[in-house]
C-alpha atoms as a PDB file:
ATOM      1  CA  MET A   1     125.294  20.042 -11.363  1.00  0.00           C
ATOM      2  CA  PRO A   2     126.203  21.038  -7.610  1.00  0.00           C
ATOM      3  CA  LYS A   3     124.509  18.971  -5.039  1.00  0.00           C
ATOM      4  CA  GLN A   4     121.037  20.556  -3.740  1.00  0.00           C
ATOM      5  CA  ALA A   5     119.571  20.422  -0.082  1.00  0.00           C
ATOM      6  CA  ALA A   6     116.104  22.155   0.934  1.00  0.00           C
ATOM      7  CA  GLY A   7     115.358  23.460   4.300  1.00  0.00           C
ATOM      8  CA  ILE A   8     112.745  25.244   6.725  1.00  0.00           C
ATOM      9  CA  LEU A   9     113.530  27.998   8.980  1.00  0.00           C
ATOM     10  CA  LEU A  10     110.798  27.928  11.460  1.00  0.00           C
ATOM     11  CA  TYR A  11     110.668  31.089  13.780  1.00  0.00           C
ATOM     12  CA  ARG A  12     108.469  32.201  16.444  1.00  0.00           C
ATOM     13  CA  ARG A  13     107.392  35.574  18.517  1.00  0.00           C
ATOM     14  CA  THR A  14     107.896  35.336  22.038  1.00  0.00           C
ATOM     15  CA  ALA A  15     107.874  37.898  24.892  1.00  0.00           C
ATOM     16  CA  ASN A  16     111.653  38.098  24.485  1.00  0.00           C
ATOM     17  CA  GLY A  17     111.444  38.687  20.806  1.00  0.00           C
ATOM     18  CA  LEU A  18     112.266  36.604  17.624  1.00  0.00           C
ATOM     19  CA  GLU A  19     113.493  33.214  17.876  1.00  0.00           C
ATOM     20  CA  VAL A  20     114.478  30.793  15.274  1.00  0.00           C
ATOM     21  CA  LEU A  21     114.934  27.119  15.402  1.00  0.00           C
ATOM     22  CA  LEU A  22     118.064  25.508  14.773  1.00  0.00           C
ATOM     23  CA  ALA A  23     119.207  21.924  14.623  1.00  0.00           C
ATOM     24  CA  HIS A  24     122.259  20.137  15.844  1.00  0.00           C
ATOM     25  CA  PRO A  25     124.112  17.543  13.530  1.00  0.00           C
ATOM     26  CA  GLY A  26     124.116  14.198  15.351  1.00  0.00           C
ATOM     27  CA  GLY A  27     127.159  11.748  15.109  1.00  0.00           C
ATOM     28  CA  PRO A  28     130.626  11.861  16.897  1.00  0.00           C
ATOM     29  CA  LEU A  29     132.360  14.228  14.467  1.00  0.00           C
ATOM     30  CA  TRP A  30     129.855  16.875  15.757  1.00  0.00           C
ATOM     31  CA  ALA A  31     129.308  15.603  19.522  1.00  0.00           C
ATOM     32  CA  ARG A  32     131.743  18.393  20.863  1.00  0.00           C
ATOM     33  CA  LYS A  33     130.931  21.472  18.471  1.00  0.00           C
ATOM     34  CA  ASP A  34     128.405  24.089  19.412  1.00  0.00           C
ATOM     35  CA  TYR A  35     129.239  27.631  17.972  1.00  0.00           C
ATOM     36  CA  GLY A  36     129.138  27.364  14.186  1.00  0.00           C
ATOM     37  CA  SER A  37     127.738  23.961  13.705  1.00  0.00           C
ATOM     38  CA  TRP A  38     123.932  24.328  14.160  1.00  0.00           C
ATOM     39  CA  THR A  39     121.707  24.240  10.757  1.00  0.00           C
ATOM     40  CA  LEU A  40     118.241  24.731   9.648  1.00  0.00           C
ATOM     41  CA  PRO A  41     116.764  21.405   9.368  1.00  0.00           C
ATOM     42  CA  LYS A  42     117.492  20.504   5.711  1.00  0.00           C
ATOM     43  CA  GLY A  43     118.435  17.691   3.373  1.00  0.00           C
ATOM     44  CA  GLN A  44     119.334  16.627   0.088  1.00  0.00           C
ATOM     45  CA  PHE A  45     116.996  16.003  -3.011  1.00  0.00           C
ATOM     46  CA  THR A  46     117.225  15.214  -6.470  1.00  0.00           C
ATOM     47  CA  ASP A  47     115.345  16.754  -9.607  1.00  0.00           C
ATOM     48  CA  SER A  48     112.805  14.344  -9.285  1.00  0.00           C
ATOM     49  CA  GLU A  49     111.489  16.041  -6.213  1.00  0.00           C
ATOM     50  CA  LEU A  50     109.999  19.635  -5.707  1.00  0.00           C
ATOM     51  CA  PRO A  51     112.461  21.860  -3.409  1.00  0.00           C
ATOM     52  CA  LEU A  52     109.804  22.539  -0.848  1.00  0.00           C
ATOM     53  CA  ASP A  53     108.500  18.910  -0.829  1.00  0.00           C
ATOM     54  CA  ALA A  54     111.898  17.951  -0.062  1.00  0.00           C
ATOM     55  CA  ALA A  55     112.177  20.688   2.792  1.00  0.00           C
ATOM     56  CA  GLN A  56     108.817  19.431   4.464  1.00  0.00           C
ATOM     57  CA  ARG A  57     109.920  15.735   3.966  1.00  0.00           C
ATOM     58  CA  GLU A  58     113.608  16.713   5.397  1.00  0.00           C
ATOM     59  CA  PHE A  59     112.225  18.478   8.461  1.00  0.00           C
ATOM     60  CA  GLU A  60     110.090  15.628   9.237  1.00  0.00           C
ATOM     61  CA  GLU A  61     112.852  13.193   8.860  1.00  0.00           C
ATOM     62  CA  GLU A  62     115.331  15.011  11.122  1.00  0.00           C
ATOM     63  CA  MET A  63     112.948  16.442  13.804  1.00  0.00           C
ATOM     64  CA  GLY A  64     110.393  13.808  13.993  1.00  0.00           C
ATOM     65  CA  SER A  65     107.047  15.773  13.003  1.00  0.00           C
ATOM     66  CA  LYS A  66     105.890  17.733  10.035  1.00  0.00           C
ATOM     67  CA  PRO A  67     106.501  21.429  10.291  1.00  0.00           C
ATOM     68  CA  GLY A  68     103.514  23.757  10.527  1.00  0.00           C
ATOM     69  CA  GLY A  69     102.819  27.387   9.050  1.00  0.00           C
ATOM     70  CA  THR A  70     102.835  29.012   5.836  1.00  0.00           C
ATOM     71  CA  PHE A  71     105.975  28.531   3.909  1.00  0.00           C
ATOM     72  CA  VAL A  72     107.644  31.394   2.282  1.00  0.00           C
ATOM     73  CA  PRO A  73     110.681  31.208   0.168  1.00  0.00           C
ATOM     74  CA  ILE A  74     113.899  33.070   1.526  1.00  0.00           C
ATOM     75  CA  GLY A  75     115.749  32.264  -1.290  1.00  0.00           C
ATOM     76  CA  THR A  76     118.974  29.932  -2.297  1.00  0.00           C
ATOM     77  CA  ILE A  77     122.521  30.132  -0.839  1.00  0.00           C
ATOM     78  CA  LYS A  78     125.676  28.389  -2.033  1.00  0.00           C
ATOM     79  CA  GLN A  79     127.711  27.013   0.640  1.00  0.00           C
ATOM     80  CA  PRO A  80     131.457  27.050   0.424  1.00  0.00           C
ATOM     81  CA  SER A  81     131.377  23.439  -0.446  1.00  0.00           C
ATOM     82  CA  GLY A  82     129.493  24.212  -3.461  1.00  0.00           C
ATOM     83  CA  LYS A  83     126.148  22.582  -2.512  1.00  0.00           C
ATOM     84  CA  VAL A  84     123.035  24.671  -2.856  1.00  0.00           C
ATOM     85  CA  ILE A  85     120.428  25.292  -0.328  1.00  0.00           C
ATOM     86  CA  HIS A  86     116.985  26.396  -0.980  1.00  0.00           C
ATOM     87  CA  ALA A  87     115.072  27.523   2.122  1.00  0.00           C
ATOM     88  CA  TRP A  88     111.678  28.395   3.514  1.00  0.00           C
ATOM     89  CA  ALA A  89     110.640  30.237   6.346  1.00  0.00           C
ATOM     90  CA  ALA A  90     107.491  29.616   8.461  1.00  0.00           C
ATOM     91  CA  GLU A  91     105.913  31.015  11.816  1.00  0.00           C
ATOM     92  CA  SER A  92     105.322  28.044  13.942  1.00  0.00           C
ATOM     93  CA  ASP A  93     106.077  26.491  17.376  1.00  0.00           C
ATOM     94  CA  PHE A  94     107.972  23.250  17.851  1.00  0.00           C
ATOM     95  CA  ASP A  95     108.428  21.312  20.890  1.00  0.00           C
ATOM     96  CA  VAL A  96     112.454  20.709  21.037  1.00  0.00           C
ATOM     97  CA  THR A  97     111.934  17.905  23.688  1.00  0.00           C
ATOM     98  CA  THR A  98     110.218  15.862  20.946  1.00  0.00           C
ATOM     99  CA  VAL A  99     112.975  15.534  18.350  1.00  0.00           C
ATOM    100  CA  LYS A 100     113.249  12.160  17.012  1.00  0.00           C
ATOM    101  CA  SER A 101     115.661  12.104  13.847  1.00  0.00           C
ATOM    102  CA  ASN A 102     116.175   9.313  11.465  1.00  0.00           C
ATOM    103  CA  LEU A 103     119.516   7.465  11.606  1.00  0.00           C
ATOM    104  CA  PHE A 104     122.487   7.255   9.218  1.00  0.00           C
ATOM    105  CA  SER A 105     125.692   4.790   9.471  1.00  0.00           C
ATOM    106  CA  MET A 106     129.271   5.630   9.489  1.00  0.00           C
ATOM    107  CA  GLU A 107     132.323   3.785  10.383  1.00  0.00           C
ATOM    108  CA  TRP A 108     133.026   4.498  13.752  1.00  0.00           C
ATOM    109  CA  PRO A 109     135.797   4.633  15.421  1.00  0.00           C
ATOM    110  CA  PRO A 110     137.508   5.582  12.038  1.00  0.00           C
ATOM    111  CA  ARG A 111     139.507   2.668  10.163  1.00  0.00           C
ATOM    112  CA  SER A 112     137.899   0.322  12.938  1.00  0.00           C
ATOM    113  CA  GLY A 113     135.841  -1.630  10.297  1.00  0.00           C
ATOM    114  CA  GLN A 114     132.861  -1.409  12.625  1.00  0.00           C
ATOM    115  CA  MET A 115     129.517   0.519  11.455  1.00  0.00           C
ATOM    116  CA  GLU A 116     127.586   2.617  13.899  1.00  0.00           C
ATOM    117  CA  GLU A 117     124.335   4.332  13.628  1.00  0.00           C
ATOM    118  CA  PHE A 118     123.778   8.042  14.650  1.00  0.00           C
ATOM    119  CA  PRO A 119     120.831  10.255  14.500  1.00  0.00           C
ATOM    120  CA  GLU A 120     121.134  12.969  11.930  1.00  0.00           C
ATOM    121  CA  VAL A 121     120.039  15.451  14.380  1.00  0.00           C
ATOM    122  CA  ASP A 122     120.994  14.788  18.247  1.00  0.00           C
ATOM    123  CA  ARG A 123     119.045  17.842  19.349  1.00  0.00           C
ATOM    124  CA  ALA A 124     117.255  21.157  18.605  1.00  0.00           C
ATOM    125  CA  GLY A 125     116.867  24.793  20.039  1.00  0.00           C
ATOM    126  CA  TRP A 126     115.249  27.915  19.770  1.00  0.00           C
ATOM    127  CA  PHE A 127     117.727  30.726  19.673  1.00  0.00           C
ATOM    128  CA  SER A 128     117.321  34.690  19.270  1.00  0.00           C
ATOM    129  CA  ILE A 129     118.764  35.944  16.170  1.00  0.00           C
ATOM    130  CA  GLU A 130     121.815  37.345  18.074  1.00  0.00           C
ATOM    131  CA  GLU A 131     122.273  33.566  19.594  1.00  0.00           C
ATOM    132  CA  ALA A 132     121.747  32.086  16.254  1.00  0.00           C
ATOM    133  CA  ARG A 133     124.294  34.141  14.355  1.00  0.00           C
ATOM    134  CA  VAL A 134     127.064  32.390  16.562  1.00  0.00           C
ATOM    135  CA  LYS A 135     125.524  28.942  16.649  1.00  0.00           C
ATOM    136  CA  ILE A 136     124.613  28.673  12.830  1.00  0.00           C
ATOM    137  CA  LEU A 137     127.048  27.294  10.232  1.00  0.00           C
ATOM    138  CA  LYS A 138     128.743  30.583   8.712  1.00  0.00           C
ATOM    139  CA  GLY A 139     127.337  29.658   5.096  1.00  0.00           C
ATOM    140  CA  GLN A 140     123.964  29.403   6.302  1.00  0.00           C
ATOM    141  CA  ALA A 141     123.991  32.815   8.382  1.00  0.00           C
ATOM    142  CA  PRO A 142     122.271  35.021   5.431  1.00  0.00           C
ATOM    143  CA  PHE A 143     119.046  33.068   5.938  1.00  0.00           C
ATOM    144  CA  LEU A 144     118.653  34.928   9.271  1.00  0.00           C
ATOM    145  CA  ASP A 145     119.136  38.209   7.530  1.00  0.00           C
ATOM    146  CA  ARG A 146     116.691  37.481   4.758  1.00  0.00           C
ATOM    147  CA  LEU A 147     114.035  36.380   7.304  1.00  0.00           C
ATOM    148  CA  LEU A 148     114.726  39.531   9.142  1.00  0.00           C
ATOM    149  CA  ALA A 149     113.903  41.600   5.673  1.00  0.00           C
ATOM    150  CA  LEU A 150     110.957  39.325   5.051  1.00  0.00           C
ATOM    151  CA  LEU A 151     109.635  40.510   8.385  1.00  0.00           C
END
């Protein structure tokens, strides 16, 4: 069975139009990447956890606070890696200056034998749909279209 992840795509309406919240992966492998590297806050779960519960838990772990709003399913997408992402949209605001992510460990520098800790998410931002299309990982872009269809 493929790995499964669940996430939440927050959106808000501003004077400039619709904006979505995206997260930038932390760690040295993503540090210099911008376009095509942002993601909705999400994470893996097992069959023992309901996908929406996992999406809310992962949002809190990666962003530092619980997501608000009413969660509306926007479907699933199979990623090029084979992972399946289940997603929900919710209208809510989030202060990106308060991001406080949990940490992960990896060997860094490579083959050094040293383990370092990095935040899963190093920053977050609000983007117009047009900006989000160039920022988001290509395999997650259909969630933007699904949000627009929902609204």
